[in-house]
PDB file of N, CA and C in Angstrom:
ATOM      1  N   MET A   1      13.275  95.054  27.418  1.00  0.00           N
ATOM      2  CA  MET A   1      12.495  95.771  28.398  1.00  0.00           C
ATOM      3  C   MET A   1      13.073  97.170  28.541  1.00  0.00           C
ATOM      4  N   ASN A   2      12.199  98.167  28.571  1.00  0.00           N
ATOM      5  CA  ASN A   2      12.647  99.539  28.759  1.00  0.00           C
ATOM      6  C   ASN A   2      12.164 100.063  30.120  1.00  0.00           C
ATOM      7  N   LEU A   3      12.477 101.325  30.403  1.00  0.00           N
ATOM      8  CA  LEU A   3      12.137 101.912  31.699  1.00  0.00           C
ATOM      9  C   LEU A   3      10.635 101.901  31.958  1.00  0.00           C
ATOM     10  N   GLU A   4       9.833 102.199  30.939  1.00  0.00           N
ATOM     11  CA  GLU A   4       8.380 102.224  31.122  1.00  0.00           C
ATOM     12  C   GLU A   4       7.842 100.834  31.483  1.00  0.00           C
ATOM     13  N   GLN A   5       8.355  99.809  30.818  1.00  0.00           N
ATOM     14  CA  GLN A   5       7.929  98.434  31.120  1.00  0.00           C
ATOM     15  C   GLN A   5       8.368  98.031  32.526  1.00  0.00           C
ATOM     16  N   LEU A   6       9.578  98.430  32.917  1.00  0.00           N
ATOM     17  CA  LEU A   6      10.068  98.127  34.265  1.00  0.00           C
ATOM     18  C   LEU A   6       9.180  98.782  35.309  1.00  0.00           C
ATOM     19  N   THR A   7       8.826 100.032  35.098  1.00  0.00           N
ATOM     20  CA  THR A   7       7.944 100.742  36.026  1.00  0.00           C
ATOM     21  C   THR A   7       6.588 100.053  36.118  1.00  0.00           C
ATOM     22  N   ASP A   8       6.050  99.621  34.993  1.00  0.00           N
ATOM     23  CA  ASP A   8       4.765  98.925  34.959  1.00  0.00           C
ATOM     24  C   ASP A   8       4.822  97.606  35.733  1.00  0.00           C
ATOM     25  N   ILE A   9       5.892  96.848  35.550  1.00  0.00           N
ATOM     26  CA  ILE A   9       6.067  95.577  36.272  1.00  0.00           C
ATOM     27  C   ILE A   9       6.146  95.829  37.774  1.00  0.00           C
ATOM     28  N   LYS A  10       6.851  96.879  38.160  1.00  0.00           N
ATOM     29  CA  LYS A  10       6.969  97.233  39.580  1.00  0.00           C
ATOM     30  C   LYS A  10       5.597  97.587  40.148  1.00  0.00           C
ATOM     31  N   LEU A  11       4.825  98.403  39.417  1.00  0.00           N
ATOM     32  CA  LEU A  11       3.498  98.808  39.898  1.00  0.00           C
ATOM     33  C   LEU A  11       2.534  97.633  40.008  1.00  0.00           C
ATOM     34  N   LYS A  12       2.658  96.664  39.112  1.00  0.00           N
ATOM     35  CA  LYS A  12       1.801  95.474  39.146  1.00  0.00           C
ATOM     36  C   LYS A  12       2.283  94.428  40.141  1.00  0.00           C
ATOM     37  N   GLN A  13       3.367  94.726  40.856  1.00  0.00           N
ATOM     38  CA  GLN A  13       3.970  93.845  41.860  1.00  0.00           C
ATOM     39  C   GLN A  13       4.381  92.495  41.274  1.00  0.00           C
ATOM     40  N   GLN A  14       4.849  92.502  40.037  1.00  0.00           N
ATOM     41  CA  GLN A  14       5.336  91.294  39.383  1.00  0.00           C
ATOM     42  C   GLN A  14       6.856  91.170  39.470  1.00  0.00           C
ATOM     43  N   LEU A  15       7.518  92.207  39.942  1.00  0.00           N
ATOM     44  CA  LEU A  15       8.979  92.242  39.995  1.00  0.00           C
ATOM     45  C   LEU A  15       9.510  91.289  41.058  1.00  0.00           C
ATOM     46  N   LYS A  16      10.435  90.426  40.675  1.00  0.00           N
ATOM     47  CA  LYS A  16      11.068  89.492  41.612  1.00  0.00           C
ATOM     48  C   LYS A  16      12.468  89.949  41.990  1.00  0.00           C
ATOM     49  N   ALA A  17      13.259  90.430  41.027  1.00  0.00           N
ATOM     50  CA  ALA A  17      14.622  90.867  41.313  1.00  0.00           C
ATOM     51  C   ALA A  17      15.155  91.725  40.173  1.00  0.00           C
ATOM     52  N   VAL A  18      16.062  92.619  40.540  1.00  0.00           N
ATOM     53  CA  VAL A  18      16.831  93.381  39.568  1.00  0.00           C
ATOM     54  C   VAL A  18      18.291  93.032  39.823  1.00  0.00           C
ATOM     55  N   ASN A  19      18.991  92.608  38.781  1.00  0.00           N
ATOM     56  CA  ASN A  19      20.386  92.184  38.904  1.00  0.00           C
ATOM     57  C   ASN A  19      21.283  93.061  38.047  1.00  0.00           C
ATOM     58  N   PHE A  20      22.304  93.642  38.679  1.00  0.00           N
ATOM     59  CA  PHE A  20      23.344  94.359  37.950  1.00  0.00           C
ATOM     60  C   PHE A  20      24.415  93.316  37.637  1.00  0.00           C
ATOM     61  N   VAL A  21      24.541  92.936  36.391  1.00  0.00           N
ATOM     62  CA  VAL A  21      25.430  91.849  35.995  1.00  0.00           C
ATOM     63  C   VAL A  21      26.710  92.426  35.397  1.00  0.00           C
ATOM     64  N   GLU A  22      27.839  92.109  36.041  1.00  0.00           N
ATOM     65  CA  GLU A  22      29.156  92.525  35.564  1.00  0.00           C
ATOM     66  C   GLU A  22      29.921  91.287  35.133  1.00  0.00           C
ATOM     67  N   SER A  23      30.507  91.365  33.955  1.00  0.00           N
ATOM     68  CA  SER A  23      31.261  90.232  33.434  1.00  0.00           C
ATOM     69  C   SER A  23      32.679  90.676  33.115  1.00  0.00           C
ATOM     70  N   GLY A  24      33.633  90.197  33.884  1.00  0.00           N
ATOM     71  CA  GLY A  24      35.022  90.537  33.628  1.00  0.00           C
ATOM     72  C   GLY A  24      35.247  92.032  33.630  1.00  0.00           C
ATOM     73  N   HIS A  25      35.869  92.524  32.593  1.00  0.00           N
ATOM     74  CA  HIS A  25      36.149  93.955  32.485  1.00  0.00           C
ATOM     75  C   HIS A  25      35.155  94.656  31.571  1.00  0.00           C
ATOM     76  N   GLY A  26      34.123  93.967  31.165  1.00  0.00           N
ATOM     77  CA  GLY A  26      33.121  94.548  30.278  1.00  0.00           C
ATOM     78  C   GLY A  26      32.150  95.425  31.039  1.00  0.00           C
ATOM     79  N   PRO A  27      31.290  96.121  30.307  1.00  0.00           N
ATOM     80  CA  PRO A  27      30.304  96.980  30.959  1.00  0.00           C
ATOM     81  C   PRO A  27      29.218  96.153  31.652  1.00  0.00           C
ATOM     82  N   MET A  28      28.517  96.793  32.551  1.00  0.00           N
ATOM     83  CA  MET A  28      27.450  96.154  33.319  1.00  0.00           C
ATOM     84  C   MET A  28      26.146  96.225  32.521  1.00  0.00           C
ATOM     85  N   VAL A  29      25.325  95.191  32.649  1.00  0.00           N
ATOM     86  CA  VAL A  29      23.968  95.192  32.105  1.00  0.00           C
ATOM     87  C   VAL A  29      23.004  94.981  33.266  1.00  0.00           C
ATOM     88  N   ILE A  30      21.756  95.362  33.050  1.00  0.00           N
ATOM     89  CA  ILE A  30      20.747  95.193  34.101  1.00  0.00           C
ATOM     90  C   ILE A  30      19.742  94.155  33.636  1.00  0.00           C
ATOM     91  N   GLU A  31      19.624  93.108  34.451  1.00  0.00           N
ATOM     92  CA  GLU A  31      18.692  92.018  34.183  1.00  0.00           C
ATOM     93  C   GLU A  31      17.520  92.137  35.147  1.00  0.00           C
ATOM     94  N   VAL A  32      16.311  92.000  34.619  1.00  0.00           N
ATOM     95  CA  VAL A  32      15.097  92.088  35.431  1.00  0.00           C
ATOM     96  C   VAL A  32      14.440  90.717  35.459  1.00  0.00           C
ATOM     97  N   GLU A  33      14.133  90.236  36.659  1.00  0.00           N
ATOM     98  CA  GLU A  33      13.395  88.988  36.826  1.00  0.00           C
ATOM     99  C   GLU A  33      11.986  89.353  37.285  1.00  0.00           C
ATOM    100  N   TYR A  34      10.987  88.826  36.577  1.00  0.00           N
ATOM    101  CA  TYR A  34       9.608  89.160  36.906  1.00  0.00           C
ATOM    102  C   TYR A  34       8.704  87.958  36.620  1.00  0.00           C
ATOM    103  N   GLU A  35       7.539  87.994  37.233  1.00  0.00           N
ATOM    104  CA  GLU A  35       6.551  86.922  37.100  1.00  0.00           C
ATOM    105  C   GLU A  35       5.438  87.398  36.179  1.00  0.00           C
ATOM    106  N   ASN A  36       5.039  86.547  35.242  1.00  0.00           N
ATOM    107  CA  ASN A  36       3.861  86.831  34.427  1.00  0.00           C
ATOM    108  C   ASN A  36       3.105  85.528  34.200  1.00  0.00           C
ATOM    109  N   ALA A  37       2.146  85.526  33.297  1.00  0.00           N
ATOM    110  CA  ALA A  37       1.322  84.338  33.064  1.00  0.00           C
ATOM    111  C   ALA A  37       2.144  83.138  32.605  1.00  0.00           C
ATOM    112  N   ASP A  38       3.291  83.371  31.987  1.00  0.00           N
ATOM    113  CA  ASP A  38       4.164  82.287  31.513  1.00  0.00           C
ATOM    114  C   ASP A  38       5.153  81.810  32.568  1.00  0.00           C
ATOM    115  N   GLY A  39       5.095  82.376  33.775  1.00  0.00           N
ATOM    116  CA  GLY A  39       6.025  82.003  34.833  1.00  0.00           C
ATOM    117  C   GLY A  39       7.113  83.044  34.999  1.00  0.00           C
ATOM    118  N   LEU A  40       8.228  82.644  35.585  1.00  0.00           N
ATOM    119  CA  LEU A  40       9.349  83.542  35.835  1.00  0.00           C
ATOM    120  C   LEU A  40      10.049  83.868  34.525  1.00  0.00           C
ATOM    121  N   GLN A  41      10.219  85.164  34.263  1.00  0.00           N
ATOM    122  CA  GLN A  41      10.858  85.636  33.039  1.00  0.00           C
ATOM    123  C   GLN A  41      12.080  86.467  33.398  1.00  0.00           C
ATOM    124  N   ARG A  42      13.032  86.518  32.487  1.00  0.00           N
ATOM    125  CA  ARG A  42      14.210  87.365  32.642  1.00  0.00           C
ATOM    126  C   ARG A  42      14.359  88.195  31.381  1.00  0.00           C
ATOM    127  N   SER A  43      14.693  89.465  31.568  1.00  0.00           N
ATOM    128  CA  SER A  43      14.861  90.357  30.440  1.00  0.00           C
ATOM    129  C   SER A  43      15.931  91.387  30.762  1.00  0.00           C
ATOM    130  N   LEU A  44      16.684  91.796  29.748  1.00  0.00           N
ATOM    131  CA  LEU A  44      17.686  92.841  29.915  1.00  0.00           C
ATOM    132  C   LEU A  44      17.065  94.191  29.586  1.00  0.00           C
ATOM    133  N   ILE A  45      17.564  95.236  30.248  1.00  0.00           N
ATOM    134  CA  ILE A  45      17.118  96.591  29.960  1.00  0.00           C
ATOM    135  C   ILE A  45      17.677  96.994  28.589  1.00  0.00           C
ATOM    136  N   LYS A  46      16.792  97.511  27.739  1.00  0.00           N
ATOM    137  CA  LYS A  46      17.166  97.908  26.382  1.00  0.00           C
ATOM    138  C   LYS A  46      16.731  99.346  26.126  1.00  0.00           C
ATOM    139  N   ASP A  47      17.349  99.966  25.122  1.00  0.00           N
ATOM    140  CA  ASP A  47      16.942 101.316  24.729  1.00  0.00           C
ATOM    141  C   ASP A  47      15.731 101.228  23.801  1.00  0.00           C
ATOM    142  N   ASN A  48      15.283 102.365  23.296  1.00  0.00           N
ATOM    143  CA  ASN A  48      14.081 102.398  22.444  1.00  0.00           C
ATOM    144  C   ASN A  48      14.287 101.721  21.096  1.00  0.00           C
ATOM    145  N   GLN A  49      15.541 101.513  20.685  1.00  0.00           N
ATOM    146  CA  GLN A  49      15.830 100.814  19.437  1.00  0.00           C
ATOM    147  C   GLN A  49      16.006  99.313  19.641  1.00  0.00           C
ATOM    148  N   GLY A  50      15.869  98.835  20.870  1.00  0.00           N
ATOM    149  CA  GLY A  50      15.984  97.412  21.153  1.00  0.00           C
ATOM    150  C   GLY A  50      17.403  96.948  21.446  1.00  0.00           C
ATOM    151  N   LYS A  51      18.341  97.876  21.573  1.00  0.00           N
ATOM    152  CA  LYS A  51      19.732  97.534  21.874  1.00  0.00           C
ATOM    153  C   LYS A  51      19.932  97.470  23.390  1.00  0.00           C
ATOM    154  N   VAL A  52      20.638  96.449  23.855  1.00  0.00           N
ATOM    155  CA  VAL A  52      20.868  96.276  25.290  1.00  0.00           C
ATOM    156  C   VAL A  52      21.669  97.460  25.823  1.00  0.00           C
ATOM    157  N   GLU A  53      21.148  98.063  26.891  1.00  0.00           N
ATOM    158  CA  GLU A  53      21.828  99.180  27.546  1.00  0.00           C
ATOM    159  C   GLU A  53      23.011  98.647  28.353  1.00  0.00           C
ATOM    160  N   THR A  54      24.126  99.345  28.296  1.00  0.00           N
ATOM    161  CA  THR A  54      25.284  98.994  29.119  1.00  0.00           C
ATOM    162  C   THR A  54      25.637 100.176  30.007  1.00  0.00           C
ATOM    163  N   TYR A  55      26.221  99.881  31.151  1.00  0.00           N
ATOM    164  CA  TYR A  55      26.541 100.898  32.142  1.00  0.00           C
ATOM    165  C   TYR A  55      27.983 100.687  32.600  1.00  0.00           C
ATOM    166  N   GLN A  56      28.690 101.791  32.823  1.00  0.00           N
ATOM    167  CA  GLN A  56      30.092 101.717  33.233  1.00  0.00           C
ATOM    168  C   GLN A  56      30.260 101.676  34.751  1.00  0.00           C
ATOM    169  N   HIS A  57      29.230 102.068  35.498  1.00  0.00           N
ATOM    170  CA  HIS A  57      29.347 102.084  36.957  1.00  0.00           C
ATOM    171  C   HIS A  57      27.969 101.894  37.602  1.00  0.00           C
ATOM    172  N   LEU A  58      27.977 101.538  38.884  1.00  0.00           N
ATOM    173  CA  LEU A  58      26.735 101.256  39.603  1.00  0.00           C
ATOM    174  C   LEU A  58      25.809 102.462  39.699  1.00  0.00           C
ATOM    175  N   LYS A  59      26.370 103.661  39.806  1.00  0.00           N
ATOM    176  CA  LYS A  59      25.530 104.851  39.971  1.00  0.00           C
ATOM    177  C   LYS A  59      24.523 104.991  38.837  1.00  0.00           C
ATOM    178  N   ALA A  60      24.928 104.697  37.619  1.00  0.00           N
ATOM    179  CA  ALA A  60      24.015 104.781  36.476  1.00  0.00           C
ATOM    180  C   ALA A  60      22.877 103.763  36.621  1.00  0.00           C
ATOM    181  N   GLY A  61      23.191 102.574  37.117  1.00  0.00           N
ATOM    182  CA  GLY A  61      22.161 101.568  37.373  1.00  0.00           C
ATOM    183  C   GLY A  61      21.214 101.995  38.476  1.00  0.00           C
ATOM    184  N   TYR A  62      21.777 102.602  39.535  1.00  0.00           N
ATOM    185  CA  TYR A  62      20.948 103.112  40.624  1.00  0.00           C
ATOM    186  C   TYR A  62      19.955 104.142  40.091  1.00  0.00           C
ATOM    187  N   GLU A  63      20.447 105.061  39.268  1.00  0.00           N
ATOM    188  CA  GLU A  63      19.597 106.130  38.748  1.00  0.00           C
ATOM    189  C   GLU A  63      18.431 105.567  37.945  1.00  0.00           C
ATOM    190  N   LEU A  64      18.682 104.574  37.108  1.00  0.00           N
ATOM    191  CA  LEU A  64      17.608 103.956  36.331  1.00  0.00           C
ATOM    192  C   LEU A  64      16.580 103.315  37.252  1.00  0.00           C
ATOM    193  N   CYS A  65      17.044 102.563  38.237  1.00  0.00           N
ATOM    194  CA  CYS A  65      16.126 101.895  39.162  1.00  0.00           C
ATOM    195  C   CYS A  65      15.308 102.896  39.974  1.00  0.00           C
ATOM    196  N   LEU A  66      15.952 103.957  40.429  1.00  0.00           N
ATOM    197  CA  LEU A  66      15.232 104.961  41.205  1.00  0.00           C
ATOM    198  C   LEU A  66      14.131 105.627  40.388  1.00  0.00           C
ATOM    199  N   LYS A  67      14.355 105.818  39.084  1.00  0.00           N
ATOM    200  CA  LYS A  67      13.309 106.380  38.216  1.00  0.00           C
ATOM    201  C   LYS A  67      12.090 105.460  38.158  1.00  0.00           C
ATOM    202  N   ALA A  68      12.315 104.151  38.310  1.00  0.00           N
ATOM    203  CA  ALA A  68      11.216 103.179  38.286  1.00  0.00           C
ATOM    204  C   ALA A  68      10.657 102.903  39.681  1.00  0.00           C
ATOM    205  N   GLY A  69      11.207 103.557  40.707  1.00  0.00           N
ATOM    206  CA  GLY A  69      10.727 103.356  42.074  1.00  0.00           C
ATOM    207  C   GLY A  69      11.307 102.126  42.754  1.00  0.00           C
ATOM    208  N   ILE A  70      12.444 101.663  42.265  1.00  0.00           N
ATOM    209  CA  ILE A  70      13.097 100.465  42.819  1.00  0.00           C
ATOM    210  C   ILE A  70      14.281 100.901  43.671  1.00  0.00           C
ATOM    211  N   HIS A  71      14.382 100.338  44.884  1.00  0.00           N
ATOM    212  CA  HIS A  71      15.442 100.723  45.808  1.00  0.00           C
ATOM    213  C   HIS A  71      16.330  99.556  46.226  1.00  0.00           C
ATOM    214  N   GLU A  72      16.166  98.425  45.582  1.00  0.00           N
ATOM    215  CA  GLU A  72      16.977  97.251  45.897  1.00  0.00           C
ATOM    216  C   GLU A  72      17.370  96.549  44.608  1.00  0.00           C
ATOM    217  N   ALA A  73      18.560  95.982  44.598  1.00  0.00           N
ATOM    218  CA  ALA A  73      19.029  95.201  43.454  1.00  0.00           C
ATOM    219  C   ALA A  73      20.097  94.236  43.963  1.00  0.00           C
ATOM    220  N   ASN A  74      20.577  93.398  43.080  1.00  0.00           N
ATOM    221  CA  ASN A  74      21.660  92.470  43.398  1.00  0.00           C
ATOM    222  C   ASN A  74      22.822  92.739  42.448  1.00  0.00           C
ATOM    223  N   LEU A  75      24.017  92.693  42.995  1.00  0.00           N
ATOM    224  CA  LEU A  75      25.208  92.772  42.163  1.00  0.00           C
ATOM    225  C   LEU A  75      25.637  91.350  41.870  1.00  0.00           C
ATOM    226  N   VAL A  76      25.791  91.031  40.602  1.00  0.00           N
ATOM    227  CA  VAL A  76      26.178  89.696  40.172  1.00  0.00           C
ATOM    228  C   VAL A  76      27.456  89.842  39.360  1.00  0.00           C
ATOM    229  N   GLN A  77      28.537  89.249  39.848  1.00  0.00           N
ATOM    230  CA  GLN A  77      29.800  89.343  39.132  1.00  0.00           C
ATOM    231  C   GLN A  77      30.139  87.987  38.534  1.00  0.00           C
ATOM    232  N   VAL A  78      30.293  87.971  37.219  1.00  0.00           N
ATOM    233  CA  VAL A  78      30.610  86.748  36.500  1.00  0.00           C
ATOM    234  C   VAL A  78      32.100  86.758  36.200  1.00  0.00           C
ATOM    235  N   GLU A  79      32.797  85.734  36.648  1.00  0.00           N
ATOM    236  CA  GLU A  79      34.223  85.614  36.362  1.00  0.00           C
ATOM    237  C   GLU A  79      34.401  85.157  34.933  1.00  0.00           C
ATOM    238  N   THR A  80      35.265  85.815  34.193  1.00  0.00           N
ATOM    239  CA  THR A  80      35.428  85.476  32.784  1.00  0.00           C
ATOM    240  C   THR A  80      35.971  84.068  32.596  1.00  0.00           C
ATOM    241  N   HIS A  81      36.839  83.595  33.497  1.00  0.00           N
ATOM    242  CA  HIS A  81      37.350  82.233  33.331  1.00  0.00           C
ATOM    243  C   HIS A  81      36.260  81.201  33.579  1.00  0.00           C
ATOM    244  N   ASP A  82      35.257  81.535  34.414  1.00  0.00           N
ATOM    245  CA  ASP A  82      34.130  80.629  34.626  1.00  0.00           C
ATOM    246  C   ASP A  82      33.293  80.509  33.359  1.00  0.00           C
ATOM    247  N   GLU A  83      33.107  81.619  32.660  1.00  0.00           N
ATOM    248  CA  GLU A  83      32.316  81.592  31.436  1.00  0.00           C
ATOM    249  C   GLU A  83      32.963  80.687  30.390  1.00  0.00           C
ATOM    250  N   ALA A  84      34.274  80.744  30.293  1.00  0.00           N
ATOM    251  CA  ALA A  84      34.986  79.961  29.280  1.00  0.00           C
ATOM    252  C   ALA A  84      34.909  78.469  29.567  1.00  0.00           C
ATOM    253  N   CYS A  85      34.738  78.100  30.817  1.00  0.00           N
ATOM    254  CA  CYS A  85      34.729  76.688  31.203  1.00  0.00           C
ATOM    255  C   CYS A  85      33.336  76.076  31.177  1.00  0.00           C
ATOM    256  N   GLN A  86      32.304  76.870  31.040  1.00  0.00           N
ATOM    257  CA  GLN A  86      30.942  76.359  31.074  1.00  0.00           C
ATOM    258  C   GLN A  86      30.548  75.795  29.716  1.00  0.00           C
ATOM    259  N   SER A  87      29.824  74.710  29.722  1.00  0.00           N
ATOM    260  CA  SER A  87      29.357  74.146  28.462  1.00  0.00           C
ATOM    261  C   SER A  87      28.116  74.876  27.951  1.00  0.00           C
ATOM    262  N   ASP A  88      27.269  75.377  28.861  1.00  0.00           N
ATOM    263  CA  ASP A  88      26.078  76.126  28.453  1.00  0.00           C
ATOM    264  C   ASP A  88      26.219  77.564  28.947  1.00  0.00           C
ATOM    265  N   TYR A  89      25.505  77.906  29.996  1.00  0.00           N
ATOM    266  CA  TYR A  89      25.555  79.246  30.566  1.00  0.00           C
ATOM    267  C   TYR A  89      26.073  79.160  31.989  1.00  0.00           C
ATOM    268  N   ALA A  90      26.857  80.151  32.386  1.00  0.00           N
ATOM    269  CA  ALA A  90      27.349  80.207  33.764  1.00  0.00           C
ATOM    270  C   ALA A  90      26.158  80.414  34.701  1.00  0.00           C
ATOM    271  N   ASP A  91      26.111  79.682  35.787  1.00  0.00           N
ATOM    272  CA  ASP A  91      25.020  79.800  36.754  1.00  0.00           C
ATOM    273  C   ASP A  91      25.408  80.865  37.774  1.00  0.00           C
ATOM    274  N   TYR A  92      25.342  82.125  37.362  1.00  0.00           N
ATOM    275  CA  TYR A  92      25.818  83.210  38.195  1.00  0.00           C
ATOM    276  C   TYR A  92      24.819  83.650  39.243  1.00  0.00           C
ATOM    277  N   HIS A  93      23.589  83.139  39.202  1.00  0.00           N
ATOM    278  CA  HIS A  93      22.581  83.599  40.147  1.00  0.00           C
ATOM    279  C   HIS A  93      22.763  83.041  41.552  1.00  0.00           C
ATOM    280  N   ARG A  94      23.689  82.173  41.760  1.00  0.00           N
ATOM    281  CA  ARG A  94      23.902  81.606  43.092  1.00  0.00           C
ATOM    282  C   ARG A  94      24.628  82.570  44.032  1.00  0.00           C
ATOM    283  N   GLU A  95      25.452  83.450  43.474  1.00  0.00           N
ATOM    284  CA  GLU A  95      26.232  84.366  44.307  1.00  0.00           C
ATOM    285  C   GLU A  95      25.805  85.800  44.048  1.00  0.00           C
ATOM    286  N   LEU A  96      24.856  86.266  44.820  1.00  0.00           N
ATOM    287  CA  LEU A  96      24.330  87.601  44.677  1.00  0.00           C
ATOM    288  C   LEU A  96      24.801  88.468  45.848  1.00  0.00           C
ATOM    289  N   ILE A  97      25.158  89.700  45.556  1.00  0.00           N
ATOM    290  CA  ILE A  97      25.504  90.666  46.591  1.00  0.00           C
ATOM    291  C   ILE A  97      24.357  91.660  46.643  1.00  0.00           C
ATOM    292  N   PRO A  98      23.559  91.645  47.725  1.00  0.00           N
ATOM    293  CA  PRO A  98      22.409  92.553  47.791  1.00  0.00           C
ATOM    294  C   PRO A  98      22.841  94.020  47.935  1.00  0.00           C
ATOM    295  N   LEU A  99      22.152  94.893  47.221  1.00  0.00           N
ATOM    296  CA  LEU A  99      22.398  96.336  47.276  1.00  0.00           C
ATOM    297  C   LEU A  99      21.103  97.039  47.642  1.00  0.00           C
ATOM    298  N   VAL A 100      21.192  98.024  48.506  1.00  0.00           N
ATOM    299  CA  VAL A 100      20.041  98.862  48.859  1.00  0.00           C
ATOM    300  C   VAL A 100      20.474 100.308  48.639  1.00  0.00           C
ATOM    301  N   PHE A 101      19.662 101.057  47.929  1.00  0.00           N
ATOM    302  CA  PHE A 101      20.021 102.461  47.617  1.00  0.00           C
ATOM    303  C   PHE A 101      18.813 103.369  47.704  1.00  0.00           C
TER     304      PHE A 101
END
């Protein structure tokens, strides 16, 4: 998903949540949760070449969201030791820190 698609989802009122996901000491990625005909979908923000965008700080994430007209997101921090202990995927969506900007 790129900025244009995010803006379109926001305008169509399909947006459910934007999550700034931080894992350990790695860079942050932005996950978008939205509703479409197939149900609830999740997608990461990518550049025009299809590579997942990474961010070093929250301000960069804020700037992207503001360009799409979004003023709320969730900070999701994944503990690296939790990831290593999970058999499938860490269920990080249970602990969200709401952000308003």
